[in-house]
């Protein structure tokens, strides 16, 4: 194929090549009368159809511009609403956090009150138990004292019987020992 092109190009003379190029180049540009006729017909067409088409094109452009502007306005409105909703949600979250902190704070205060009340009640109960224990201790001490007194009386009676070697009336002996013990009772209680 290259050979054919090379053969064809070489067979052409340089003169004929120039002629062919200039013909093709001239064919690209119209002649002056054709160009003038084309421009005149275009001007006439624009003058006749211009007012009819211009109004329609203007209306279409205005509608298109209005449509685009409406979409822009709608998008801005949606953006503002979204920002407002986000701000409201942020405010709600902040309010919820504040309320939660207040609840926690109140719960801590209330737990401290309950703890203090529990401590107070426990202390009161402990004091009651201590008082009861003291009371029981005094009662035990009194019972011990009475039991000791009876045993001392019996021992003293037995000792007195052995010393006197005669039987003494029990009531009389108890009376003497009780008088002796009562006089010494202060000494024993200490």
N, C-alpha and C. Protein backbone atom coordinates (compact mmCIF):
# COMPACT_ATOMS: atom_id res chain seq x y z
N UNK A 1 0.83 -1.18 0.00
CA UNK A 1 0.00 0.00 0.00
C UNK A 1 0.88 1.25 0.00
N UNK A 2 1.90 1.22 0.82
CA UNK A 2 2.81 2.36 0.82
C UNK A 2 3.48 2.52 -0.54
N UNK A 3 3.73 1.40 -1.12
CA UNK A 3 4.38 1.46 -2.44
C UNK A 3 3.49 2.15 -3.47
N UNK A 4 2.21 1.88 -3.40
CA UNK A 4 1.27 2.49 -4.35
C UNK A 4 1.23 3.99 -4.15
N UNK A 5 1.20 4.42 -2.86
CA UNK A 5 1.12 5.85 -2.57
C UNK A 5 2.40 6.53 -3.04
N UNK A 6 3.50 5.92 -2.76
CA UNK A 6 4.78 6.50 -3.16
C UNK A 6 4.85 6.58 -4.69
N UNK A 7 4.38 5.55 -5.36
CA UNK A 7 4.40 5.54 -6.81
C UNK A 7 3.49 6.63 -7.36
N UNK A 8 2.33 6.79 -6.77
CA UNK A 8 1.37 7.78 -7.24
C UNK A 8 1.92 9.18 -7.02
N UNK A 9 2.50 9.41 -5.84
CA UNK A 9 3.04 10.74 -5.52
C UNK A 9 4.22 11.05 -6.45
N UNK A 10 5.05 10.09 -6.70
CA UNK A 10 6.21 10.33 -7.55
C UNK A 10 5.79 10.54 -9.01
N UNK A 11 4.70 9.90 -9.42
CA UNK A 11 4.23 10.06 -10.78
C UNK A 11 3.65 11.45 -11.02
N UNK A 12 3.17 12.04 -9.96
CA UNK A 12 2.62 13.38 -10.11
C UNK A 12 3.77 14.37 -10.21
N UNK A 13 3.53 15.26 -11.01
CA UNK A 13 4.56 16.26 -11.16
C UNK A 13 4.36 17.33 -10.10
N UNK A 14 5.37 18.03 -9.82
CA UNK A 14 5.29 19.06 -8.78
C UNK A 14 4.33 20.16 -9.21
N UNK A 15 4.18 20.40 -10.48
CA UNK A 15 3.27 21.42 -10.97
C UNK A 15 1.85 21.00 -10.74
N UNK A 16 1.53 19.81 -11.03
CA UNK A 16 0.17 19.35 -10.85
C UNK A 16 -0.19 19.27 -9.37
N UNK A 17 0.78 19.04 -8.53
CA UNK A 17 0.52 19.00 -7.09
C UNK A 17 0.16 20.39 -6.60
N UNK A 18 0.84 21.38 -7.07
CA UNK A 18 0.54 22.75 -6.68
C UNK A 18 -0.84 23.15 -7.15
N UNK A 19 -1.19 22.76 -8.34
CA UNK A 19 -2.51 23.08 -8.87
C UNK A 19 -3.60 22.41 -8.06
N UNK A 20 -3.40 21.21 -7.71
CA UNK A 20 -4.40 20.47 -6.94
C UNK A 20 -4.58 21.11 -5.57
N UNK A 21 -3.51 21.48 -4.93
CA UNK A 21 -3.60 22.11 -3.61
C UNK A 21 -4.30 23.46 -3.68
N UNK A 22 -3.96 24.24 -4.64
CA UNK A 22 -4.58 25.57 -4.73
C UNK A 22 -6.06 25.45 -5.06
N UNK A 23 -6.47 24.48 -5.85
CA UNK A 23 -7.89 24.26 -6.14
C UNK A 23 -8.64 23.88 -4.87
N UNK A 24 -8.04 23.02 -4.15
CA UNK A 24 -8.70 22.57 -2.90
C UNK A 24 -8.77 23.72 -1.92
N UNK A 25 -7.75 24.52 -1.85
CA UNK A 25 -7.72 25.64 -0.93
C UNK A 25 -8.76 26.69 -1.32
N UNK A 26 -8.92 26.93 -2.58
CA UNK A 26 -9.91 27.88 -3.08
C UNK A 26 -11.31 27.35 -2.85
N UNK A 27 -11.49 26.06 -2.91
CA UNK A 27 -12.80 25.48 -2.70
C UNK A 27 -13.25 25.65 -1.25
N UNK A 28 -12.31 25.86 -0.35
CA UNK A 28 -12.67 26.06 1.05
C UNK A 28 -13.39 27.40 1.27
N UNK A 29 -13.00 28.42 0.60
CA UNK A 29 -13.60 29.74 0.77
C UNK A 29 -14.66 29.96 -0.31
N UNK A 30 -15.82 30.50 0.14
CA UNK A 30 -16.85 30.78 -0.88
C UNK A 30 -16.46 32.04 -1.69
N UNK A 31 -17.15 32.19 -2.73
CA UNK A 31 -16.87 33.37 -3.55
C UNK A 31 -17.51 34.58 -2.89
N UNK A 32 -17.06 35.77 -3.31
CA UNK A 32 -17.56 37.00 -2.68
C UNK A 32 -19.05 37.17 -2.91
N UNK A 33 -19.56 36.94 -4.00
CA UNK A 33 -21.00 37.12 -4.18
C UNK A 33 -21.81 36.14 -3.34
N UNK A 34 -21.33 34.93 -3.23
CA UNK A 34 -22.05 33.94 -2.40
C UNK A 34 -22.01 34.36 -0.93
N UNK A 35 -20.85 34.85 -0.50
CA UNK A 35 -20.72 35.25 0.89
C UNK A 35 -21.62 36.44 1.19
N UNK A 36 -21.68 37.38 0.31
CA UNK A 36 -22.52 38.55 0.50
C UNK A 36 -23.99 38.15 0.52
N UNK A 37 -24.41 37.27 -0.31
CA UNK A 37 -25.80 36.80 -0.34
C UNK A 37 -26.14 36.06 0.96
N UNK A 38 -25.22 35.28 1.44
CA UNK A 38 -25.46 34.54 2.69
C UNK A 38 -25.60 35.49 3.86
N UNK A 39 -24.76 36.49 3.93
CA UNK A 39 -24.81 37.46 5.04
C UNK A 39 -26.11 38.26 4.97
N UNK A 40 -26.50 38.69 3.78
CA UNK A 40 -27.75 39.45 3.62
C UNK A 40 -28.96 38.59 3.99
N UNK A 41 -28.98 37.37 3.59
CA UNK A 41 -30.13 36.52 3.92
C UNK A 41 -30.18 36.25 5.44
N UNK A 42 -29.03 36.16 6.06
CA UNK A 42 -28.99 35.97 7.52
C UNK A 42 -29.53 37.20 8.25
N UNK A 43 -29.16 38.38 7.76
CA UNK A 43 -29.64 39.62 8.38
C UNK A 43 -31.15 39.73 8.20
N UNK A 44 -31.65 39.44 7.03
CA UNK A 44 -33.09 39.50 6.78
C UNK A 44 -33.81 38.50 7.67
N UNK A 45 -33.28 37.30 7.76
CA UNK A 45 -33.89 36.25 8.60
C UNK A 45 -33.94 36.70 10.06
N UNK A 46 -32.84 37.30 10.53
CA UNK A 46 -32.80 37.77 11.92
C UNK A 46 -33.79 38.91 12.15
N UNK A 47 -33.92 39.80 11.16
CA UNK A 47 -34.84 40.92 11.30
C UNK A 47 -36.30 40.45 11.31
N UNK A 48 -36.60 39.48 10.50
CA UNK A 48 -37.98 38.99 10.41
C UNK A 48 -38.30 38.07 11.58
N UNK A 49 -37.48 37.08 11.80
CA UNK A 49 -37.77 36.08 12.83
C UNK A 49 -37.27 36.49 14.21
N UNK A 50 -36.34 37.42 14.29
CA UNK A 50 -35.74 37.84 15.56
C UNK A 50 -36.76 38.21 16.62
N UNK A 51 -37.68 39.14 16.31
CA UNK A 51 -38.64 39.50 17.36
C UNK A 51 -39.51 38.33 17.80
N UNK A 52 -39.86 37.45 16.90
CA UNK A 52 -40.69 36.30 17.27
C UNK A 52 -39.91 35.31 18.14
N UNK A 53 -38.72 34.99 17.72
CA UNK A 53 -37.91 34.00 18.42
C UNK A 53 -37.29 34.59 19.68
N UNK A 54 -36.93 35.86 19.64
CA UNK A 54 -36.27 36.51 20.78
C UNK A 54 -37.17 36.47 22.03
N UNK A 55 -38.43 36.78 21.86
CA UNK A 55 -39.37 36.77 23.00
C UNK A 55 -39.48 35.36 23.59
N UNK A 56 -39.59 34.37 22.74
CA UNK A 56 -39.70 32.99 23.21
C UNK A 56 -38.42 32.56 23.93
N UNK A 57 -37.29 32.91 23.36
CA UNK A 57 -36.01 32.55 23.98
C UNK A 57 -35.87 33.27 25.32
N UNK A 58 -36.26 34.53 25.37
CA UNK A 58 -36.19 35.29 26.62
C UNK A 58 -37.07 34.64 27.69
N UNK A 59 -38.30 34.26 27.29
CA UNK A 59 -39.21 33.60 28.24
C UNK A 59 -38.61 32.29 28.74
N UNK A 60 -38.05 31.51 27.81
CA UNK A 60 -37.44 30.24 28.21
C UNK A 60 -36.26 30.48 29.14
N UNK A 61 -35.45 31.48 28.85
CA UNK A 61 -34.30 31.80 29.69
C UNK A 61 -34.76 32.28 31.07
N UNK A 62 -35.80 33.10 31.09
CA UNK A 62 -36.31 33.60 32.38
C UNK A 62 -36.86 32.45 33.22
N UNK A 63 -37.61 31.54 32.57
CA UNK A 63 -38.14 30.38 33.29
C UNK A 63 -37.00 29.51 33.83
N UNK A 64 -36.02 29.31 33.00
CA UNK A 64 -34.88 28.49 33.41
C UNK A 64 -34.13 29.15 34.58
N UNK A 65 -33.94 30.46 34.47
CA UNK A 65 -33.26 31.18 35.54
C UNK A 65 -34.08 31.13 36.83
N UNK A 66 -35.41 31.29 36.72
CA UNK A 66 -36.29 31.22 37.88
C UNK A 66 -36.24 29.82 38.51
N UNK A 67 -36.25 28.79 37.68
CA UNK A 67 -36.17 27.41 38.15
C UNK A 67 -34.87 27.18 38.93
N UNK A 68 -33.77 27.64 38.37
CA UNK A 68 -32.46 27.48 39.03
C UNK A 68 -32.44 28.25 40.34
N UNK A 69 -32.96 29.50 40.31
CA UNK A 69 -32.97 30.32 41.53
C UNK A 69 -33.86 29.69 42.60
N UNK A 70 -35.02 29.14 42.18
CA UNK A 70 -35.91 28.46 43.15
C UNK A 70 -35.21 27.27 43.78
N UNK A 71 -34.47 26.51 42.97
CA UNK A 71 -33.72 25.37 43.51
C UNK A 71 -32.64 25.82 44.48
N UNK A 72 -31.97 26.91 44.14
CA UNK A 72 -30.93 27.44 45.04
C UNK A 72 -31.57 27.90 46.35
N UNK A 73 -32.69 28.63 46.25
CA UNK A 73 -33.39 29.10 47.46
C UNK A 73 -33.88 27.93 48.30
N UNK A 74 -34.42 26.91 47.65
CA UNK A 74 -34.91 25.74 48.37
C UNK A 74 -33.75 25.02 49.08
N UNK A 75 -32.62 24.91 48.39
CA UNK A 75 -31.44 24.26 48.99
C UNK A 75 -30.95 25.07 50.19
N UNK A 76 -30.93 26.41 50.06
CA UNK A 76 -30.52 27.25 51.18
C UNK A 76 -31.50 27.10 52.35
N UNK A 77 -32.79 27.04 52.03
CA UNK A 77 -33.81 26.87 53.08
C UNK A 77 -33.60 25.54 53.80
N UNK A 78 -33.39 24.47 53.03
CA UNK A 78 -33.15 23.16 53.63
C UNK A 78 -31.88 23.18 54.48
N UNK A 79 -30.86 23.86 54.00
CA UNK A 79 -29.61 23.95 54.75
C UNK A 79 -29.83 24.68 56.07
N UNK A 80 -30.56 25.81 56.02
CA UNK A 80 -30.86 26.55 57.25
C UNK A 80 -31.67 25.70 58.22
N UNK A 81 -32.68 24.98 57.69
CA UNK A 81 -33.49 24.12 58.55
C UNK A 81 -32.64 23.01 59.17
N UNK A 82 -31.74 22.47 58.38
CA UNK A 82 -30.86 21.41 58.90
C UNK A 82 -29.97 21.96 60.01
N UNK A 83 -29.45 23.17 59.80
CA UNK A 83 -28.61 23.80 60.83
C UNK A 83 -29.43 24.06 62.08
N UNK A 84 -30.67 24.56 61.90
CA UNK A 84 -31.54 24.81 63.06
C UNK A 84 -31.85 23.50 63.80
N UNK A 85 -32.14 22.45 63.06
CA UNK A 85 -32.42 21.15 63.68
C UNK A 85 -31.19 20.63 64.42
N UNK A 86 -30.01 20.81 63.82
CA UNK A 86 -28.78 20.37 64.48
C UNK A 86 -28.56 21.16 65.76
N UNK A 87 -28.77 22.49 65.69
CA UNK A 87 -28.61 23.32 66.89
C UNK A 87 -29.61 22.92 67.96
N UNK A 88 -30.85 22.64 67.54
CA UNK A 88 -31.88 22.21 68.50
C UNK A 88 -31.49 20.88 69.13
N UNK A 89 -31.01 19.96 68.30
CA UNK A 89 -30.59 18.66 68.83
C UNK A 89 -29.41 18.82 69.79
N UNK A 90 -28.46 19.71 69.43
CA UNK A 90 -27.33 19.97 70.33
C UNK A 90 -27.82 20.56 71.65
N UNK A 91 -28.78 21.48 71.56
CA UNK A 91 -29.34 22.09 72.77
C UNK A 91 -30.05 21.04 73.62
N UNK A 92 -30.82 20.16 72.95
CA UNK A 92 -31.51 19.09 73.69
C UNK A 92 -30.50 18.17 74.39
N UNK A 93 -29.40 17.86 73.69
CA UNK A 93 -28.36 17.01 74.29
C UNK A 93 -27.74 17.71 75.49
N UNK A 94 -27.45 19.01 75.33
CA UNK A 94 -26.87 19.77 76.45
C UNK A 94 -27.84 19.83 77.62
N UNK A 95 -29.13 20.04 77.33
CA UNK A 95 -30.14 20.06 78.39
C UNK A 95 -30.22 18.71 79.10
N UNK A 96 -30.18 17.64 78.31
CA UNK A 96 -30.23 16.30 78.88
C UNK A 96 -29.02 16.04 79.77
N UNK A 97 -27.85 16.49 79.33
CA UNK A 97 -26.64 16.32 80.15
C UNK A 97 -26.76 17.12 81.44
N UNK A 98 -27.26 18.36 81.34
CA UNK A 98 -27.41 19.20 82.53
C UNK A 98 -28.39 18.55 83.51
N UNK A 99 -29.52 18.06 82.98
CA UNK A 99 -30.51 17.41 83.84
C UNK A 99 -29.92 16.16 84.47
N UNK A 100 -29.16 15.40 83.69
CA UNK A 100 -28.53 14.18 84.23
C UNK A 100 -27.57 14.54 85.36
N UNK A 101 -26.79 15.62 85.18
CA UNK A 101 -25.87 16.05 86.24
C UNK A 101 -26.64 16.47 87.48
N UNK A 102 -27.77 17.17 87.28
CA UNK A 102 -28.58 17.58 88.42
C UNK A 102 -29.14 16.35 89.15
N UNK A 103 -29.61 15.38 88.39
CA UNK A 103 -30.16 14.17 88.99
C UNK A 103 -29.08 13.43 89.78
N UNK A 104 -27.90 13.33 89.19
CA UNK A 104 -26.79 12.65 89.87
C UNK A 104 -26.42 13.40 91.13
N UNK A 105 -26.38 14.73 91.03
CA UNK A 105 -26.04 15.55 92.20
C UNK A 105 -27.07 15.36 93.30
N UNK A 106 -28.35 15.41 92.92
CA UNK A 106 -29.42 15.22 93.90
C UNK A 106 -29.36 13.82 94.51
N UNK A 107 -29.06 12.83 93.67
CA UNK A 107 -28.96 11.45 94.16
C UNK A 107 -27.82 11.32 95.17
N UNK A 108 -26.69 11.99 94.88
CA UNK A 108 -25.56 11.94 95.82
C UNK A 108 -25.95 12.59 97.15
N UNK A 109 -26.60 13.75 97.05
CA UNK A 109 -27.03 14.45 98.27
C UNK A 109 -28.01 13.57 99.05
N UNK A 110 -28.96 12.98 98.34
CA UNK A 110 -29.96 12.13 98.99
C UNK A 110 -29.30 10.90 99.61
N UNK A 111 -28.31 10.32 98.89
CA UNK A 111 -27.63 9.15 99.45
C UNK A 111 -26.85 9.53 100.70
N UNK A 112 -26.27 10.73 100.70
CA UNK A 112 -25.56 11.21 101.90
C UNK A 112 -26.55 11.37 103.06
N UNK A 113 -27.74 11.90 102.75
CA UNK A 113 -28.75 12.05 103.80
C UNK A 113 -29.16 10.70 104.34
N UNK A 114 -29.40 9.75 103.42
CA UNK A 114 -29.79 8.40 103.85
C UNK A 114 -28.68 7.77 104.68
N UNK A 115 -27.44 7.96 104.24
CA UNK A 115 -26.29 7.41 104.96
C UNK A 115 -26.20 8.03 106.35
N UNK A 116 -26.34 9.37 106.41
CA UNK A 116 -26.29 10.05 107.71
C UNK A 116 -27.43 9.59 108.61
N UNK A 117 -28.61 9.46 108.03
CA UNK A 117 -29.78 9.00 108.82
C UNK A 117 -29.53 7.58 109.31
N UNK A 118 -28.98 6.72 108.45
CA UNK A 118 -28.67 5.35 108.86
C UNK A 118 -27.64 5.34 109.99
N UNK A 119 -26.61 6.19 109.85
CA UNK A 119 -25.59 6.28 110.90
C UNK A 119 -26.21 6.77 112.21
N UNK A 120 -27.10 7.77 112.10
CA UNK A 120 -27.75 8.31 113.30
C UNK A 120 -28.61 7.24 113.98
N UNK A 121 -29.38 6.51 113.16
CA UNK A 121 -30.23 5.45 113.72
C UNK A 121 -29.37 4.35 114.33
N UNK A 122 -28.29 3.97 113.63
CA UNK A 122 -27.40 2.93 114.15
C UNK A 122 -26.76 3.38 115.46
N UNK A 123 -26.37 4.64 115.53
CA UNK A 123 -25.77 5.18 116.75
C UNK A 123 -26.78 5.16 117.89
N UNK A 124 -28.03 5.56 117.56
CA UNK A 124 -29.09 5.56 118.56
C UNK A 124 -29.33 4.13 119.08
N UNK A 125 -29.38 3.19 118.14
CA UNK A 125 -29.59 1.78 118.52
C UNK A 125 -28.42 1.28 119.38
N UNK A 126 -27.21 1.68 118.99
CA UNK A 126 -26.03 1.27 119.77
C UNK A 126 -26.10 1.85 121.17
N UNK A 127 -26.52 3.12 121.27
CA UNK A 127 -26.65 3.74 122.59
C UNK A 127 -27.71 3.01 123.42
N UNK A 128 -28.83 2.65 122.76
CA UNK A 128 -29.88 1.90 123.47
C UNK A 128 -29.33 0.56 123.95
N UNK A 129 -28.59 -0.13 123.06
CA UNK A 129 -28.03 -1.42 123.44
C UNK A 129 -27.03 -1.27 124.60
N UNK A 130 -26.22 -0.22 124.53
CA UNK A 130 -25.25 0.02 125.61
C UNK A 130 -25.97 0.31 126.91
N UNK A 131 -27.02 1.15 126.83
CA UNK A 131 -27.80 1.48 128.03
C UNK A 131 -28.46 0.22 128.59
N UNK A 132 -29.00 -0.60 127.67
CA UNK A 132 -29.63 -1.84 128.12
C UNK A 132 -28.60 -2.77 128.74
N UNK A 133 -27.41 -2.81 128.12
CA UNK A 133 -26.36 -3.66 128.67
C UNK A 133 -25.94 -3.16 130.05
N UNK A 134 -25.84 -1.84 130.21
CA UNK A 134 -25.50 -1.30 131.52
C UNK A 134 -26.58 -1.64 132.53
N UNK A 135 -27.85 -1.48 132.08
CA UNK A 135 -28.98 -1.79 132.95
C UNK A 135 -28.94 -3.27 133.34
N UNK A 136 -28.70 -4.11 132.30
CA UNK A 136 -28.61 -5.55 132.59
C UNK A 136 -27.42 -5.84 133.50
N UNK A 137 -26.32 -5.12 133.28
CA UNK A 137 -25.14 -5.29 134.13
C UNK A 137 -25.43 -4.92 135.57
N UNK A 138 -26.15 -3.80 135.74
CA UNK A 138 -26.52 -3.38 137.10
C UNK A 138 -27.44 -4.41 137.74
N UNK A 139 -28.37 -4.92 136.94
CA UNK A 139 -29.29 -5.93 137.46
C UNK A 139 -28.51 -7.18 137.85
N UNK A 140 -27.58 -7.57 136.99
CA UNK A 140 -26.74 -8.74 137.30
C UNK A 140 -25.91 -8.47 138.56
N UNK A 141 -25.40 -7.26 138.65
CA UNK A 141 -24.60 -6.90 139.82
C UNK A 141 -25.46 -6.96 141.08
N UNK A 142 -26.69 -6.45 140.97
CA UNK A 142 -27.61 -6.48 142.11
C UNK A 142 -27.96 -7.92 142.48
N UNK A 143 -28.25 -8.73 141.44
CA UNK A 143 -28.55 -10.15 141.70
C UNK A 143 -27.35 -10.84 142.34
N UNK A 144 -26.15 -10.53 141.80
CA UNK A 144 -24.94 -11.10 142.38
C UNK A 144 -24.78 -10.67 143.84
N UNK A 145 -25.05 -9.39 144.09
CA UNK A 145 -24.96 -8.85 145.44
C UNK A 145 -25.93 -9.58 146.38
N UNK A 146 -27.18 -9.75 145.89
CA UNK A 146 -28.18 -10.43 146.73
C UNK A 146 -27.79 -11.89 146.97
N UNK A 147 -27.32 -12.55 145.93
CA UNK A 147 -26.90 -13.94 146.07
C UNK A 147 -25.70 -14.04 147.01
N UNK A 148 -24.77 -13.11 146.81
CA UNK A 148 -23.59 -13.10 147.68
C UNK A 148 -24.00 -12.86 149.13
N UNK A 149 -24.94 -11.95 149.30
CA UNK A 149 -25.43 -11.63 150.64
C UNK A 149 -26.04 -12.86 151.30
N UNK A 150 -26.85 -13.60 150.51
CA UNK A 150 -27.47 -14.81 151.07
C UNK A 150 -26.40 -15.84 151.44
N UNK A 151 -25.41 -16.00 150.55
CA UNK A 151 -24.36 -16.97 150.84
C UNK A 151 -23.54 -16.55 152.06
N UNK A 152 -23.28 -15.24 152.14
CA UNK A 152 -22.52 -14.75 153.31
C UNK A 152 -23.31 -14.99 154.59
N UNK A 153 -24.63 -14.76 154.48
CA UNK A 153 -25.48 -14.97 155.67
C UNK A 153 -25.41 -16.44 156.08
N UNK A 154 -25.52 -17.32 155.10
CA UNK A 154 -25.49 -18.74 155.43
C UNK A 154 -24.14 -19.15 156.02
N UNK A 155 -23.08 -18.62 155.40
CA UNK A 155 -21.74 -18.95 155.91
C UNK A 155 -21.56 -18.38 157.31
N UNK A 156 -22.03 -17.13 157.48
CA UNK A 156 -21.90 -16.51 158.80
C UNK A 156 -22.72 -17.27 159.84
N UNK A 157 -23.90 -17.75 159.44
CA UNK A 157 -24.75 -18.52 160.36
C UNK A 157 -24.03 -19.81 160.74
N UNK A 158 -23.47 -20.45 159.76
CA UNK A 158 -22.78 -21.70 160.05
C UNK A 158 -21.58 -21.45 160.96
N UNK A 159 -20.88 -20.34 160.65
CA UNK A 159 -19.72 -20.01 161.48
C UNK A 159 -20.16 -19.67 162.90
N UNK A 160 -21.25 -18.92 163.01
CA UNK A 160 -21.74 -18.51 164.33
C UNK A 160 -22.19 -19.74 165.10
N UNK A 161 -22.82 -20.69 164.44
CA UNK A 161 -23.28 -21.91 165.11
C UNK A 161 -22.10 -22.71 165.62
N UNK A 162 -21.06 -22.75 164.83
CA UNK A 162 -19.90 -23.52 165.26
C UNK A 162 -19.21 -22.83 166.42
N UNK A 163 -19.16 -21.47 166.34
CA UNK A 163 -18.49 -20.74 167.40
C UNK A 163 -19.29 -20.86 168.70
N UNK A 164 -20.52 -20.67 168.65
CA UNK A 164 -21.36 -20.72 169.85
C UNK A 164 -21.64 -22.17 170.21
N UNK A 165 -21.59 -23.02 169.32
CA UNK A 165 -21.87 -24.43 169.45
C UNK A 165 -23.24 -24.66 170.04
N UNK A 166 -24.03 -23.92 169.75
CA UNK A 166 -25.41 -24.17 170.07
C UNK A 166 -26.24 -23.62 168.95
N UNK A 167 -27.39 -24.09 168.87
CA UNK A 167 -28.23 -23.71 167.75
C UNK A 167 -28.88 -22.37 168.04
N UNK A 168 -28.71 -21.48 167.14
CA UNK A 168 -29.29 -20.16 167.28
C UNK A 168 -30.51 -20.11 166.38
N UNK A 169 -31.46 -19.36 166.83
CA UNK A 169 -32.67 -19.19 166.01
C UNK A 169 -32.28 -18.56 164.67
N UNK A 170 -32.70 -19.19 163.58
CA UNK A 170 -32.33 -18.73 162.24
C UNK A 170 -32.80 -17.31 161.99
N UNK A 171 -34.00 -16.95 162.31
CA UNK A 171 -34.54 -15.60 162.07
C UNK A 171 -33.73 -14.56 162.82
N UNK A 172 -33.38 -14.88 164.08
CA UNK A 172 -32.59 -13.95 164.89
C UNK A 172 -31.21 -13.76 164.29
N UNK A 173 -30.59 -14.84 163.84
CA UNK A 173 -29.26 -14.78 163.24
C UNK A 173 -29.27 -14.00 161.93
N UNK A 174 -30.26 -14.22 161.11
CA UNK A 174 -30.38 -13.48 159.84
C UNK A 174 -30.54 -12.01 160.11
N UNK A 175 -31.31 -11.67 161.15
CA UNK A 175 -31.55 -10.26 161.49
C UNK A 175 -30.24 -9.59 161.87
N UNK A 176 -29.45 -10.24 162.70
CA UNK A 176 -28.17 -9.67 163.13
C UNK A 176 -27.23 -9.51 161.94
N UNK A 177 -27.17 -10.51 161.07
CA UNK A 177 -26.27 -10.46 159.92
C UNK A 177 -26.73 -9.39 158.94
N UNK A 178 -28.03 -9.27 158.69
CA UNK A 178 -28.57 -8.25 157.78
C UNK A 178 -28.24 -6.86 158.29
N UNK A 179 -28.36 -6.64 159.55
CA UNK A 179 -28.01 -5.33 160.11
C UNK A 179 -26.54 -5.05 159.90
N UNK A 180 -25.72 -6.08 160.13
CA UNK A 180 -24.29 -5.91 159.94
C UNK A 180 -23.97 -5.59 158.47
N UNK A 181 -24.61 -6.35 157.54
CA UNK A 181 -24.36 -6.15 156.11
C UNK A 181 -24.87 -4.80 155.62
N UNK A 182 -26.00 -4.35 156.13
CA UNK A 182 -26.52 -3.07 155.69
C UNK A 182 -25.62 -1.94 156.14
N UNK A 183 -25.03 -2.07 157.30
CA UNK A 183 -24.11 -1.03 157.77
C UNK A 183 -22.84 -1.03 156.91
N UNK A 184 -22.51 -2.16 156.37
CA UNK A 184 -21.29 -2.27 155.55
C UNK A 184 -21.64 -2.27 154.04
N UNK A 185 -22.90 -2.06 153.70
CA UNK A 185 -23.35 -2.15 152.30
C UNK A 185 -22.64 -1.13 151.43
N UNK A 186 -22.43 0.06 151.93
CA UNK A 186 -21.74 1.08 151.14
C UNK A 186 -20.35 0.63 150.80
N UNK A 187 -19.70 -0.04 151.69
CA UNK A 187 -18.34 -0.51 151.48
C UNK A 187 -18.33 -1.61 150.40
N UNK A 188 -19.35 -2.49 150.40
CA UNK A 188 -19.41 -3.59 149.45
C UNK A 188 -19.75 -3.08 148.05
N UNK A 189 -20.65 -2.09 147.93
CA UNK A 189 -21.07 -1.55 146.62
C UNK A 189 -19.91 -0.87 145.91
N UNK A 190 -19.01 -0.34 146.61
CA UNK A 190 -17.90 0.34 145.97
C UNK A 190 -17.03 -0.68 145.32
